[in-house]
PDB file of N, CA and C in Angstrom:
ATOM      1  N   MET A   1       0.888  -1.117  -0.195  1.00  0.00           N
ATOM      2  CA  MET A   1      -0.044  -0.017  -0.041  1.00  0.00           C
ATOM      3  C   MET A   1       0.794   1.412   0.011  1.00  0.00           C
ATOM      4  N   LEU A   2       1.828   1.466   0.773  1.00  0.00           N
ATOM      5  CA  LEU A   2       2.844   2.389   0.945  1.00  0.00           C
ATOM      6  C   LEU A   2       3.332   2.581  -0.525  1.00  0.00           C
ATOM      7  N   ASN A   3       3.881   1.788  -1.414  1.00  0.00           N
ATOM      8  CA  ASN A   3       4.511   1.789  -2.489  1.00  0.00           C
ATOM      9  C   ASN A   3       3.502   2.188  -3.428  1.00  0.00           C
ATOM     10  N   LYS A   4       2.182   1.988  -3.625  1.00  0.00           N
ATOM     11  CA  LYS A   4       1.161   2.424  -4.304  1.00  0.00           C
ATOM     12  C   LYS A   4       0.754   3.877  -4.298  1.00  0.00           C
ATOM     13  N   ALA A   5       0.769   4.376  -2.650  1.00  0.00           N
ATOM     14  CA  ALA A   5       0.853   5.684  -2.472  1.00  0.00           C
ATOM     15  C   ALA A   5       2.043   6.707  -2.869  1.00  0.00           C
ATOM     16  N   ILE A   6       3.404   5.885  -2.857  1.00  0.00           N
ATOM     17  CA  ILE A   6       4.369   6.894  -3.285  1.00  0.00           C
ATOM     18  C   ILE A   6       4.114   6.692  -4.692  1.00  0.00           C
ATOM     19  N   LYS A   7       3.736   5.931  -5.436  1.00  0.00           N
ATOM     20  CA  LYS A   7       3.819   6.067  -6.883  1.00  0.00           C
ATOM     21  C   LYS A   7       2.642   6.888  -7.331  1.00  0.00           C
ATOM     22  N   LYS A   8       1.662   7.028  -6.869  1.00  0.00           N
ATOM     23  CA  LYS A   8       0.474   7.666  -6.854  1.00  0.00           C
ATOM     24  C   LYS A   8       1.031   9.344  -6.655  1.00  0.00           C
ATOM     25  N   ILE A   9       1.759   9.856  -5.805  1.00  0.00           N
ATOM     26  CA  ILE A   9       2.292  10.873  -5.479  1.00  0.00           C
ATOM     27  C   ILE A   9       3.137  11.511  -6.413  1.00  0.00           C
ATOM     28  N   ASN A  10       4.063  10.147  -6.885  1.00  0.00           N
ATOM     29  CA  ASN A  10       5.100  10.674  -7.771  1.00  0.00           C
ATOM     30  C   ASN A  10       4.540  10.954  -9.294  1.00  0.00           C
ATOM     31  N   ASP A  11       3.703   9.933  -9.489  1.00  0.00           N
ATOM     32  CA  ASP A  11       3.083  10.071 -10.879  1.00  0.00           C
ATOM     33  C   ASP A  11       2.421  11.643 -10.905  1.00  0.00           C
ATOM     34  N   GLU A  12       1.782  11.852  -9.967  1.00  0.00           N
ATOM     35  CA  GLU A  12       1.296  13.339  -9.993  1.00  0.00           C
ATOM     36  C   GLU A  12       2.160  14.592 -10.075  1.00  0.00           C
ATOM     37  N   ILE A  13       3.350  14.445  -9.470  1.00  0.00           N
ATOM     38  CA  ILE A  13       4.291  15.144  -9.714  1.00  0.00           C
ATOM     39  C   ILE A  13       4.744  15.497 -10.843  1.00  0.00           C
ATOM     40  N   GLU A  14       4.795  14.145 -11.578  1.00  0.00           N
ATOM     41  CA  GLU A  14       5.619  14.201 -12.970  1.00  0.00           C
ATOM     42  C   GLU A  14       4.253  14.596 -13.936  1.00  0.00           C
ATOM     43  N   LYS A  15       3.132  14.417 -13.646  1.00  0.00           N
ATOM     44  CA  LYS A  15       2.100  14.640 -14.647  1.00  0.00           C
ATOM     45  C   LYS A  15       1.873  16.181 -14.730  1.00  0.00           C
ATOM     46  N   GLU A  16       1.723  16.901 -13.612  1.00  0.00           N
ATOM     47  CA  GLU A  16       1.366  18.335 -13.648  1.00  0.00           C
ATOM     48  C   GLU A  16       2.387  19.193 -13.818  1.00  0.00           C
ATOM     49  N   LYS A  17       3.628  18.879 -13.654  1.00  0.00           N
ATOM     50  CA  LYS A  17       4.717  19.820 -13.874  1.00  0.00           C
ATOM     51  C   LYS A  17       4.602  21.032 -13.161  1.00  0.00           C
ATOM     52  N   ASN A  18       3.809  21.269 -11.819  1.00  0.00           N
ATOM     53  CA  ASN A  18       3.712  22.387 -11.128  1.00  0.00           C
ATOM     54  C   ASN A  18       4.411  22.183  -9.986  1.00  0.00           C
ATOM     55  N   PRO A  19       5.316  23.450  -9.603  1.00  0.00           N
ATOM     56  CA  PRO A  19       6.302  23.260  -8.947  1.00  0.00           C
ATOM     57  C   PRO A  19       5.396  23.035  -7.371  1.00  0.00           C
ATOM     58  N   TYR A  20       4.208  23.801  -7.389  1.00  0.00           N
ATOM     59  CA  TYR A  20       3.305  23.745  -5.809  1.00  0.00           C
ATOM     60  C   TYR A  20       3.075  21.894  -5.575  1.00  0.00           C
ATOM     61  N   VAL A  21       2.466  21.476  -6.730  1.00  0.00           N
ATOM     62  CA  VAL A  21       2.440  20.078  -6.804  1.00  0.00           C
ATOM     63  C   VAL A  21       3.462  19.189  -6.192  1.00  0.00           C
ATOM     64  N   LYS A  22       4.734  19.838  -6.490  1.00  0.00           N
ATOM     65  CA  LYS A  22       5.896  19.131  -6.416  1.00  0.00           C
ATOM     66  C   LYS A  22       6.181  19.317  -4.564  1.00  0.00           C
ATOM     67  N   VAL A  23       5.995  20.148  -4.347  1.00  0.00           N
ATOM     68  CA  VAL A  23       6.533  20.757  -2.948  1.00  0.00           C
ATOM     69  C   VAL A  23       5.136  20.106  -2.189  1.00  0.00           C
ATOM     70  N   ILE A  24       4.160  19.820  -2.395  1.00  0.00           N
ATOM     71  CA  ILE A  24       3.161  19.367  -1.407  1.00  0.00           C
ATOM     72  C   ILE A  24       3.438  17.666  -1.768  1.00  0.00           C
ATOM     73  N   GLY A  25       3.798  16.985  -2.805  1.00  0.00           N
ATOM     74  CA  GLY A  25       3.843  15.895  -3.051  1.00  0.00           C
ATOM     75  C   GLY A  25       5.300  15.326  -2.178  1.00  0.00           C
ATOM     76  N   GLU A  26       6.477  16.323  -2.038  1.00  0.00           N
ATOM     77  CA  GLU A  26       7.418  16.112  -1.120  1.00  0.00           C
ATOM     78  C   GLU A  26       6.915  15.572   0.298  1.00  0.00           C
ATOM     79  N   TYR A  27       6.028  16.865   0.840  1.00  0.00           N
ATOM     80  CA  TYR A  27       5.733  16.830   1.971  1.00  0.00           C
ATOM     81  C   TYR A  27       4.917  15.548   2.371  1.00  0.00           C
ATOM     82  N   LEU A  28       3.928  15.022   1.576  1.00  0.00           N
ATOM     83  CA  LEU A  28       2.992  13.927   1.566  1.00  0.00           C
ATOM     84  C   LEU A  28       4.043  12.726   1.743  1.00  0.00           C
ATOM     85  N   LEU A  29       5.155  12.954   0.887  1.00  0.00           N
ATOM     86  CA  LEU A  29       5.790  11.606   0.893  1.00  0.00           C
ATOM     87  C   LEU A  29       6.346  11.307   2.235  1.00  0.00           C
ATOM     88  N   LYS A  30       6.970  12.458   3.029  1.00  0.00           N
ATOM     89  CA  LYS A  30       7.408  12.380   4.351  1.00  0.00           C
ATOM     90  C   LYS A  30       6.194  11.963   5.428  1.00  0.00           C
ATOM     91  N   VAL A  31       5.245  12.444   5.102  1.00  0.00           N
ATOM     92  CA  VAL A  31       4.047  12.199   5.954  1.00  0.00           C
ATOM     93  C   VAL A  31       3.607  10.879   6.029  1.00  0.00           C
ATOM     94  N   ILE A  32       3.692  10.114   4.841  1.00  0.00           N
ATOM     95  CA  ILE A  32       3.442   8.733   4.704  1.00  0.00           C
ATOM     96  C   ILE A  32       4.530   7.688   5.058  1.00  0.00           C
ATOM     97  N   ALA A  33       5.552   8.202   5.259  1.00  0.00           N
ATOM     98  CA  ALA A  33       6.807   7.161   5.454  1.00  0.00           C
ATOM     99  C   ALA A  33       6.695   6.705   6.559  1.00  0.00           C
ATOM    100  N   GLY A  34       6.175   5.328   6.265  1.00  0.00           N
ATOM    101  CA  GLY A  34       5.993   4.487   7.297  1.00  0.00           C
ATOM    102  C   GLY A  34       4.486   4.248   7.991  1.00  0.00           C
ATOM    103  N   ASN A  35       3.778   4.971   7.397  1.00  0.00           N
ATOM    104  CA  ASN A  35       2.496   5.308   7.765  1.00  0.00           C
ATOM    105  C   ASN A  35       1.571   4.818   6.920  1.00  0.00           C
ATOM    106  N   GLU A  36       1.040   3.589   6.824  1.00  0.00           N
ATOM    107  CA  GLU A  36       0.281   2.778   6.329  1.00  0.00           C
ATOM    108  C   GLU A  36      -1.101   3.531   6.339  1.00  0.00           C
ATOM    109  N   GLY A  37      -1.786   3.941   7.169  1.00  0.00           N
ATOM    110  CA  GLY A  37      -2.890   4.364   7.552  1.00  0.00           C
ATOM    111  C   GLY A  37      -3.075   5.953   6.594  1.00  0.00           C
ATOM    112  N   ALA A  38      -1.885   6.702   6.540  1.00  0.00           N
ATOM    113  CA  ALA A  38      -1.902   7.766   5.774  1.00  0.00           C
ATOM    114  C   ALA A  38      -1.876   7.545   4.388  1.00  0.00           C
ATOM    115  N   ALA A  39      -1.077   6.580   3.974  1.00  0.00           N
ATOM    116  CA  ALA A  39      -0.714   5.940   2.670  1.00  0.00           C
ATOM    117  C   ALA A  39      -1.953   5.525   2.007  1.00  0.00           C
ATOM    118  N   GLU A  40      -2.898   4.814   2.965  1.00  0.00           N
ATOM    119  CA  GLU A  40      -4.201   4.540   2.458  1.00  0.00           C
ATOM    120  C   GLU A  40      -5.114   5.657   2.364  1.00  0.00           C
ATOM    121  N   LYS A  41      -5.209   6.881   3.021  1.00  0.00           N
ATOM    122  CA  LYS A  41      -5.957   8.240   2.521  1.00  0.00           C
ATOM    123  C   LYS A  41      -5.283   8.508   1.081  1.00  0.00           C
ATOM    124  N   ILE A  42      -4.105   8.786   1.026  1.00  0.00           N
ATOM    125  CA  ILE A  42      -3.669   9.258  -0.336  1.00  0.00           C
ATOM    126  C   ILE A  42      -4.201   8.580  -1.282  1.00  0.00           C
ATOM    127  N   LEU A  43      -4.285   7.272  -1.375  1.00  0.00           N
ATOM    128  CA  LEU A  43      -4.738   6.290  -2.395  1.00  0.00           C
ATOM    129  C   LEU A  43      -6.277   6.525  -2.909  1.00  0.00           C
ATOM    130  N   ALA A  44      -7.143   7.304  -1.744  1.00  0.00           N
ATOM    131  CA  ALA A  44      -8.393   7.472  -2.352  1.00  0.00           C
ATOM    132  C   ALA A  44      -8.430   8.219  -3.641  1.00  0.00           C
ATOM    133  N   ALA A  45      -9.276   7.570  -4.305  1.00  0.00           N
ATOM    134  CA  ALA A  45      -9.335   7.845  -6.122  1.00  0.00           C
ATOM    135  C   ALA A  45      -9.862   9.127  -6.292  1.00  0.00           C
ATOM    136  N   ASP A  46     -10.557   9.870  -5.457  1.00  0.00           N
ATOM    137  CA  ASP A  46     -11.262  11.363  -5.491  1.00  0.00           C
ATOM    138  C   ASP A  46     -10.315  12.392  -5.032  1.00  0.00           C
ATOM    139  N   LYS A  47      -9.070  11.676  -4.657  1.00  0.00           N
ATOM    140  CA  LYS A  47      -8.120  12.885  -3.485  1.00  0.00           C
ATOM    141  C   LYS A  47      -6.869  13.079  -4.605  1.00  0.00           C
ATOM    142  N   THR A  48      -6.342  14.282  -5.033  1.00  0.00           N
ATOM    143  CA  THR A  48      -5.238  14.724  -5.602  1.00  0.00           C
ATOM    144  C   THR A  48      -4.417  15.840  -5.167  1.00  0.00           C
ATOM    145  N   ILE A  49      -3.407  15.953  -5.380  1.00  0.00           N
ATOM    146  CA  ILE A  49      -2.480  17.084  -4.863  1.00  0.00           C
ATOM    147  C   ILE A  49      -3.282  18.366  -5.341  1.00  0.00           C
ATOM    148  N   MET A  50      -3.395  18.253  -6.853  1.00  0.00           N
ATOM    149  CA  MET A  50      -4.225  19.845  -7.329  1.00  0.00           C
ATOM    150  C   MET A  50      -5.328  20.034  -6.510  1.00  0.00           C
ATOM    151  N   LYS A  51      -6.089  19.082  -6.151  1.00  0.00           N
ATOM    152  CA  LYS A  51      -7.522  19.548  -5.456  1.00  0.00           C
ATOM    153  C   LYS A  51      -7.121  20.019  -3.887  1.00  0.00           C
ATOM    154  N   SER A  52      -5.799  19.049  -3.414  1.00  0.00           N
ATOM    155  CA  SER A  52      -5.550  19.804  -2.144  1.00  0.00           C
ATOM    156  C   SER A  52      -5.062  21.335  -2.077  1.00  0.00           C
ATOM    157  N   LEU A  53      -4.282  21.788  -3.598  1.00  0.00           N
ATOM    158  CA  LEU A  53      -4.069  23.194  -3.826  1.00  0.00           C
ATOM    159  C   LEU A  53      -5.165  23.959  -3.741  1.00  0.00           C
ATOM    160  N   GLU A  54      -6.157  23.495  -4.341  1.00  0.00           N
ATOM    161  CA  GLU A  54      -7.657  24.156  -4.414  1.00  0.00           C
ATOM    162  C   GLU A  54      -8.133  24.361  -3.154  1.00  0.00           C
ATOM    163  N   ALA A  55      -7.931  23.322  -2.228  1.00  0.00           N
ATOM    164  CA  ALA A  55      -8.460  23.614  -0.951  1.00  0.00           C
ATOM    165  C   ALA A  55      -7.934  24.700  -0.073  1.00  0.00           C
ATOM    166  N   MET A  56      -6.333  24.583  -0.468  1.00  0.00           N
ATOM    167  CA  MET A  56      -5.476  25.912   0.212  1.00  0.00           C
ATOM    168  C   MET A  56      -6.122  27.127  -0.212  1.00  0.00           C
ATOM    169  N   ARG A  57      -6.299  27.087  -1.570  1.00  0.00           N
ATOM    170  CA  ARG A  57      -6.768  28.506  -2.285  1.00  0.00           C
ATOM    171  C   ARG A  57      -8.127  29.033  -1.819  1.00  0.00           C
ATOM    172  N   LYS A  58      -8.771  28.282  -1.330  1.00  0.00           N
ATOM    173  CA  LYS A  58     -10.179  28.408  -0.974  1.00  0.00           C
ATOM    174  C   LYS A  58     -10.094  29.242   0.182  1.00  0.00           C
ATOM    175  N   ALA A  59      -9.125  28.491   1.558  1.00  0.00           N
ATOM    176  CA  ALA A  59      -8.980  28.825   2.694  1.00  0.00           C
ATOM    177  C   ALA A  59      -8.243  30.135   2.520  1.00  0.00           C
ATOM    178  N   ALA A  60      -7.304  30.262   1.697  1.00  0.00           N
ATOM    179  CA  ALA A  60      -6.872  31.621   1.708  1.00  0.00           C
ATOM    180  C   ALA A  60      -7.273  32.604   1.403  1.00  0.00           C
ATOM    181  N   GLU A  61      -8.833  32.435   0.298  1.00  0.00           N
ATOM    182  CA  GLU A  61      -9.481  33.214  -0.190  1.00  0.00           C
ATOM    183  C   GLU A  61     -10.242  34.188   1.250  1.00  0.00           C
ATOM    184  N   LYS A  62     -10.445  33.132   2.209  1.00  0.00           N
ATOM    185  CA  LYS A  62     -11.460  33.800   3.187  1.00  0.00           C
ATOM    186  C   LYS A  62     -10.171  34.797   4.025  1.00  0.00           C
ATOM    187  N   ASN A  63      -9.162  34.550   4.289  1.00  0.00           N
ATOM    188  CA  ASN A  63      -8.127  35.947   4.381  1.00  0.00           C
ATOM    189  C   ASN A  63      -7.972  36.935   3.722  1.00  0.00           C
ATOM    190  N   LYS A  64      -8.383  36.959   2.683  1.00  0.00           N
ATOM    191  CA  LYS A  64      -8.330  38.074   1.480  1.00  0.00           C
ATOM    192  C   LYS A  64      -8.517  39.253   1.617  1.00  0.00           C
ATOM    193  N   VAL A  65      -7.466  40.149   1.444  1.00  0.00           N
ATOM    194  CA  VAL A  65      -7.090  41.644   1.857  1.00  0.00           C
ATOM    195  C   VAL A  65      -6.794  42.039   0.569  1.00  0.00           C
ATOM    196  N   GLY A  66      -8.035  42.936  -0.252  1.00  0.00           N
ATOM    197  CA  GLY A  66      -7.810  43.604  -1.298  1.00  0.00           C
ATOM    198  C   GLY A  66      -7.247  42.432  -2.571  1.00  0.00           C
ATOM    199  N   ASN A  67      -6.578  42.398  -3.251  1.00  0.00           N
ATOM    200  CA  ASN A  67      -6.251  41.460  -4.197  1.00  0.00           C
ATOM    201  C   ASN A  67      -5.029  40.442  -3.559  1.00  0.00           C
ATOM    202  N   MET A  68      -4.864  40.375  -2.301  1.00  0.00           N
ATOM    203  CA  MET A  68      -3.764  39.426  -1.867  1.00  0.00           C
ATOM    204  C   MET A  68      -4.603  38.367  -0.794  1.00  0.00           C
ATOM    205  N   ALA A  69      -3.876  37.284  -0.983  1.00  0.00           N
ATOM    206  CA  ALA A  69      -4.360  36.223  -0.053  1.00  0.00           C
ATOM    207  C   ALA A  69      -3.383  35.447   0.480  1.00  0.00           C
ATOM    208  N   MET A  70      -3.199  35.450   1.883  1.00  0.00           N
ATOM    209  CA  MET A  70      -1.865  34.393   2.034  1.00  0.00           C
ATOM    210  C   MET A  70      -2.395  33.402   3.433  1.00  0.00           C
ATOM    211  N   ILE A  71      -1.470  32.668   3.241  1.00  0.00           N
ATOM    212  CA  ILE A  71      -1.180  31.514   4.288  1.00  0.00           C
ATOM    213  C   ILE A  71       0.091  31.110   4.731  1.00  0.00           C
ATOM    214  N   SER A  72       0.429  30.662   6.122  1.00  0.00           N
ATOM    215  CA  SER A  72       1.517  30.348   6.111  1.00  0.00           C
ATOM    216  C   SER A  72       1.713  28.828   5.824  1.00  0.00           C
ATOM    217  N   ASP A  73       3.041  28.302   6.017  1.00  0.00           N
ATOM    218  CA  ASP A  73       3.472  27.099   5.336  1.00  0.00           C
ATOM    219  C   ASP A  73       2.764  26.061   6.102  1.00  0.00           C
ATOM    220  N   GLU A  74       2.708  26.262   7.466  1.00  0.00           N
ATOM    221  CA  GLU A  74       2.043  25.142   8.642  1.00  0.00           C
ATOM    222  C   GLU A  74       0.647  25.273   8.321  1.00  0.00           C
ATOM    223  N   GLU A  75      -0.059  26.620   7.943  1.00  0.00           N
ATOM    224  CA  GLU A  75      -1.605  26.215   7.681  1.00  0.00           C
ATOM    225  C   GLU A  75      -1.664  25.635   6.323  1.00  0.00           C
ATOM    226  N   GLY A  76      -0.766  25.970   5.519  1.00  0.00           N
ATOM    227  CA  GLY A  76      -1.149  25.220   3.947  1.00  0.00           C
ATOM    228  C   GLY A  76      -1.074  23.648   4.182  1.00  0.00           C
ATOM    229  N   PHE A  77      -0.050  23.050   4.655  1.00  0.00           N
ATOM    230  CA  PHE A  77       0.087  21.854   5.159  1.00  0.00           C
ATOM    231  C   PHE A  77      -1.015  20.935   6.033  1.00  0.00           C
ATOM    232  N   ALA A  78      -1.494  21.823   7.025  1.00  0.00           N
ATOM    233  CA  ALA A  78      -2.529  21.584   7.816  1.00  0.00           C
ATOM    234  C   ALA A  78      -3.706  21.286   7.054  1.00  0.00           C
ATOM    235  N   ILE A  79      -4.215  22.130   6.066  1.00  0.00           N
ATOM    236  CA  ILE A  79      -5.358  22.159   5.143  1.00  0.00           C
ATOM    237  C   ILE A  79      -4.960  21.188   4.235  1.00  0.00           C
ATOM    238  N   VAL A  80      -3.757  20.689   3.669  1.00  0.00           N
ATOM    239  CA  VAL A  80      -3.521  19.567   3.018  1.00  0.00           C
ATOM    240  C   VAL A  80      -3.858  18.096   3.592  1.00  0.00           C
ATOM    241  N   LEU A  81      -3.447  18.160   4.736  1.00  0.00           N
ATOM    242  CA  LEU A  81      -3.898  17.003   5.702  1.00  0.00           C
ATOM    243  C   LEU A  81      -5.299  16.940   6.355  1.00  0.00           C
ATOM    244  N   LYS A  82      -5.935  18.028   6.249  1.00  0.00           N
ATOM    245  CA  LYS A  82      -7.240  17.738   6.434  1.00  0.00           C
ATOM    246  C   LYS A  82      -7.879  17.400   5.022  1.00  0.00           C
ATOM    247  N   TYR A  83      -7.635  17.784   3.969  1.00  0.00           N
ATOM    248  CA  TYR A  83      -8.263  17.458   2.774  1.00  0.00           C
ATOM    249  C   TYR A  83      -7.811  16.021   2.683  1.00  0.00           C
ATOM    250  N   PHE A  84      -6.661  15.364   2.926  1.00  0.00           N
ATOM    251  CA  PHE A  84      -6.735  13.954   2.629  1.00  0.00           C
ATOM    252  C   PHE A  84      -7.134  13.160   3.892  1.00  0.00           C
ATOM    253  N   GLU A  85      -7.729  13.776   4.885  1.00  0.00           N
ATOM    254  CA  GLU A  85      -8.157  13.146   6.188  1.00  0.00           C
ATOM    255  C   GLU A  85      -7.067  12.615   6.907  1.00  0.00           C
ATOM    256  N   ILE A  86      -5.740  13.128   7.145  1.00  0.00           N
ATOM    257  CA  ILE A  86      -4.887  12.540   7.633  1.00  0.00           C
ATOM    258  C   ILE A  86      -4.569  13.250   9.149  1.00  0.00           C
ATOM    259  N   LYS A  87      -4.428  12.371   9.952  1.00  0.00           N
ATOM    260  CA  LYS A  87      -4.244  13.100  11.096  1.00  0.00           C
ATOM    261  C   LYS A  87      -3.085  12.809  11.828  1.00  0.00           C
ATOM    262  N   ARG A  88      -2.005  13.855  12.090  1.00  0.00           N
ATOM    263  CA  ARG A  88      -0.778  13.590  12.171  1.00  0.00           C
ATOM    264  C   ARG A  88      -0.777  13.236  14.046  1.00  0.00           C
ATOM    265  N   GLU A  89       0.197  12.567  14.421  1.00  0.00           N
ATOM    266  CA  GLU A  89       0.141  12.069  16.032  1.00  0.00           C
ATOM    267  C   GLU A  89       0.709  12.842  16.731  1.00  0.00           C
ATOM    268  N   LYS A  90       1.923  13.817  16.018  1.00  0.00           N
ATOM    269  CA  LYS A  90       2.491  14.787  16.907  1.00  0.00           C
ATOM    270  C   LYS A  90       2.667  16.192  16.175  1.00  0.00           C
ATOM    271  N   LYS A  91       2.463  17.255  16.676  1.00  0.00           N
ATOM    272  CA  LYS A  91       2.442  18.277  15.880  1.00  0.00           C
ATOM    273  C   LYS A  91       3.723  18.515  14.920  1.00  0.00           C
ATOM    274  N   ASN A  92       4.812  18.373  15.501  1.00  0.00           N
ATOM    275  CA  ASN A  92       6.289  18.466  14.536  1.00  0.00           C
ATOM    276  C   ASN A  92       6.543  17.096  14.088  1.00  0.00           C
ATOM    277  N   ASP A  93       6.183  16.260  14.074  1.00  0.00           N
ATOM    278  CA  ASP A  93       6.398  15.037  13.580  1.00  0.00           C
ATOM    279  C   ASP A  93       7.114  14.971  12.147  1.00  0.00           C
ATOM    280  N   ILE A  94       6.716  15.753  11.086  1.00  0.00           N
ATOM    281  CA  ILE A  94       7.540  15.699  10.210  1.00  0.00           C
ATOM    282  C   ILE A  94       8.704  16.556   9.906  1.00  0.00           C
ATOM    283  N   ASN A  95       8.294  17.759  10.702  1.00  0.00           N
ATOM    284  CA  ASN A  95       9.522  18.830  10.664  1.00  0.00           C
ATOM    285  C   ASN A  95      11.043  18.139  11.603  1.00  0.00           C
ATOM    286  N   ASP A  96      10.540  17.570  12.456  1.00  0.00           N
ATOM    287  CA  ASP A  96      11.715  16.972  13.475  1.00  0.00           C
ATOM    288  C   ASP A  96      12.665  16.084  12.883  1.00  0.00           C
ATOM    289  N   LYS A  97      12.228  15.439  11.743  1.00  0.00           N
ATOM    290  CA  LYS A  97      13.037  14.421  10.868  1.00  0.00           C
ATOM    291  C   LYS A  97      14.005  15.804  10.021  1.00  0.00           C
ATOM    292  N   LYS A  98      13.896  16.536   9.659  1.00  0.00           N
ATOM    293  CA  LYS A  98      14.618  17.361   9.250  1.00  0.00           C
ATOM    294  C   LYS A  98      15.517  18.647   9.936  1.00  0.00           C
ATOM    295  N   VAL A  99      15.245  18.578  11.122  1.00  0.00           N
ATOM    296  CA  VAL A  99      15.913  19.563  11.878  1.00  0.00           C
ATOM    297  C   VAL A  99      17.691  19.513  12.066  1.00  0.00           C
ATOM    298  N   ILE A 100      17.885  20.630  11.677  1.00  0.00           N
ATOM    299  CA  ILE A 100      19.561  20.475  11.212  1.00  0.00           C
ATOM    300  C   ILE A 100      19.878  21.790  12.311  1.00  0.00           C
ATOM    301  N   ASP A 101      21.077  21.948  13.302  1.00  0.00           N
ATOM    302  CA  ASP A 101      21.597  22.834  13.997  1.00  0.00           C
ATOM    303  C   ASP A 101      22.637  23.262  13.230  1.00  0.00           C
ATOM    304  N   PHE A 102      22.391  24.583  12.373  1.00  0.00           N
ATOM    305  CA  PHE A 102      23.508  25.273  11.636  1.00  0.00           C
ATOM    306  C   PHE A 102      24.401  25.753  12.580  1.00  0.00           C
ATOM    307  N   LYS A 103      24.136  26.271  13.575  1.00  0.00           N
ATOM    308  CA  LYS A 103      24.833  27.250  14.527  1.00  0.00           C
ATOM    309  C   LYS A 103      25.833  26.083  15.122  1.00  0.00           C
ATOM    310  N   ALA A 104      25.365  25.095  15.497  1.00  0.00           N
ATOM    311  CA  ALA A 104      26.228  24.112  15.882  1.00  0.00           C
ATOM    312  C   ALA A 104      27.350  23.552  15.247  1.00  0.00           C
ATOM    313  N   LYS A 105      26.870  23.224  14.000  1.00  0.00           N
ATOM    314  CA  LYS A 105      27.803  22.955  12.628  1.00  0.00           C
ATOM    315  C   LYS A 105      28.813  24.015  12.466  1.00  0.00           C
ATOM    316  N   LYS A 106      28.580  25.249  12.397  1.00  0.00           N
ATOM    317  CA  LYS A 106      29.366  26.369  12.228  1.00  0.00           C
ATOM    318  C   LYS A 106      30.365  26.547  13.353  1.00  0.00           C
ATOM    319  N   GLU A 107      29.996  26.524  14.687  1.00  0.00           N
ATOM    320  CA  GLU A 107      30.967  26.275  15.978  1.00  0.00           C
ATOM    321  C   GLU A 107      31.793  25.198  15.671  1.00  0.00           C
ATOM    322  N   GLU A 108      31.322  24.089  15.537  1.00  0.00           N
ATOM    323  CA  GLU A 108      32.046  22.890  15.363  1.00  0.00           C
ATOM    324  C   GLU A 108      33.328  23.265  14.110  1.00  0.00           C
ATOM    325  N   LYS A 109      32.985  23.968  13.003  1.00  0.00           N
ATOM    326  CA  LYS A 109      33.680  24.052  11.883  1.00  0.00           C
ATOM    327  C   LYS A 109      35.010  25.114  12.400  1.00  0.00           C
ATOM    328  N   GLU A 110      34.385  26.170  13.148  1.00  0.00           N
ATOM    329  CA  GLU A 110      35.551  26.932  13.683  1.00  0.00           C
ATOM    330  C   GLU A 110      36.324  26.562  14.764  1.00  0.00           C
ATOM    331  N   GLU A 111      35.786  25.646  15.478  1.00  0.00           N
ATOM    332  CA  GLU A 111      36.757  25.116  16.329  1.00  0.00           C
ATOM    333  C   GLU A 111      38.047  24.295  15.697  1.00  0.00           C
ATOM    334  N   ASP A 112      37.587  23.524  14.723  1.00  0.00           N
ATOM    335  CA  ASP A 112      38.401  22.865  13.939  1.00  0.00           C
ATOM    336  C   ASP A 112      39.500  23.912  13.264  1.00  0.00           C
ATOM    337  N   ILE A 113      39.362  25.134  12.788  1.00  0.00           N
ATOM    338  CA  ILE A 113      40.168  25.775  12.277  1.00  0.00           C
ATOM    339  C   ILE A 113      40.907  26.466  13.295  1.00  0.00           C
ATOM    340  N   PHE A 114      40.491  26.880  14.439  1.00  0.00           N
ATOM    341  CA  PHE A 114      41.616  27.359  15.382  1.00  0.00           C
ATOM    342  C   PHE A 114      41.969  26.437  16.298  1.00  0.00           C
ATOM    343  N   ASN A 115      41.759  25.250  16.284  1.00  0.00           N
ATOM    344  CA  ASN A 115      42.437  24.064  17.117  1.00  0.00           C
ATOM    345  C   ASN A 115      43.870  24.104  16.841  1.00  0.00           C
ATOM    346  N   VAL A 116      44.515  24.887  17.521  1.00  0.00           N
ATOM    347  CA  VAL A 116      46.036  24.976  17.397  1.00  0.00           C
ATOM    348  C   VAL A 116      46.707  24.932  18.645  1.00  0.00           C
ATOM    349  N   SER A 117      47.725  23.940  18.370  1.00  0.00           N
ATOM    350  CA  SER A 117      48.318  23.647  19.809  1.00  0.00           C
ATOM    351  C   SER A 117      49.699  24.210  19.863  1.00  0.00           C
ATOM    352  N   LEU A 118      50.500  24.532  20.874  1.00  0.00           N
ATOM    353  CA  LEU A 118      51.876  25.110  20.993  1.00  0.00           C
ATOM    354  C   LEU A 118      52.419  23.892  20.515  1.00  0.00           C
ATOM    355  N   ASP A 119      52.461  22.665  20.826  1.00  0.00           N
ATOM    356  CA  ASP A 119      53.314  21.523  20.226  1.00  0.00           C
ATOM    357  C   ASP A 119      53.707  21.752  18.963  1.00  0.00           C
ATOM    358  N   ASP A 120      52.400  22.001  18.065  1.00  0.00           N
ATOM    359  CA  ASP A 120      52.799  22.145  16.439  1.00  0.00           C
ATOM    360  C   ASP A 120      53.639  23.277  16.398  1.00  0.00           C
ATOM    361  N   TYR A 121      54.150  24.071  17.088  1.00  0.00           N
ATOM    362  CA  TYR A 121      54.858  25.303  16.800  1.00  0.00           C
ATOM    363  C   TYR A 121      56.903  24.756  17.232  1.00  0.00           C
ATOM    364  N   ILE A 122      56.522  23.831  18.381  1.00  0.00           N
ATOM    365  CA  ILE A 122      57.815  23.561  18.668  1.00  0.00           C
ATOM    366  C   ILE A 122      58.458  22.562  17.979  1.00  0.00           C
TER     367      ILE A 122
END
């Protein structure tokens, strides 16, 4: 079932050639990783990434000011999950997998650069 959901997502990304479909598709691939229940929801015949984008557009229109309508990434992804009827177990479960502490990596590199011993010069 998981492989079928992955194929459906990848096929739609390829078919639509829409950068937004790709963003949502990649997000959904993270959501369904190891989650058979979510994968099953993706396989619903009447559910597509394009239709989830339409649900996002409709939600953004409710906040429209003049000619501009915006929603945050978090709101958009929540709309997509609601559209596919997928419940996340933990609020940051997907984002937690990609957390990188760039500050720690930078400090680590700086320590390597300035790690000089007097023994090196004797």
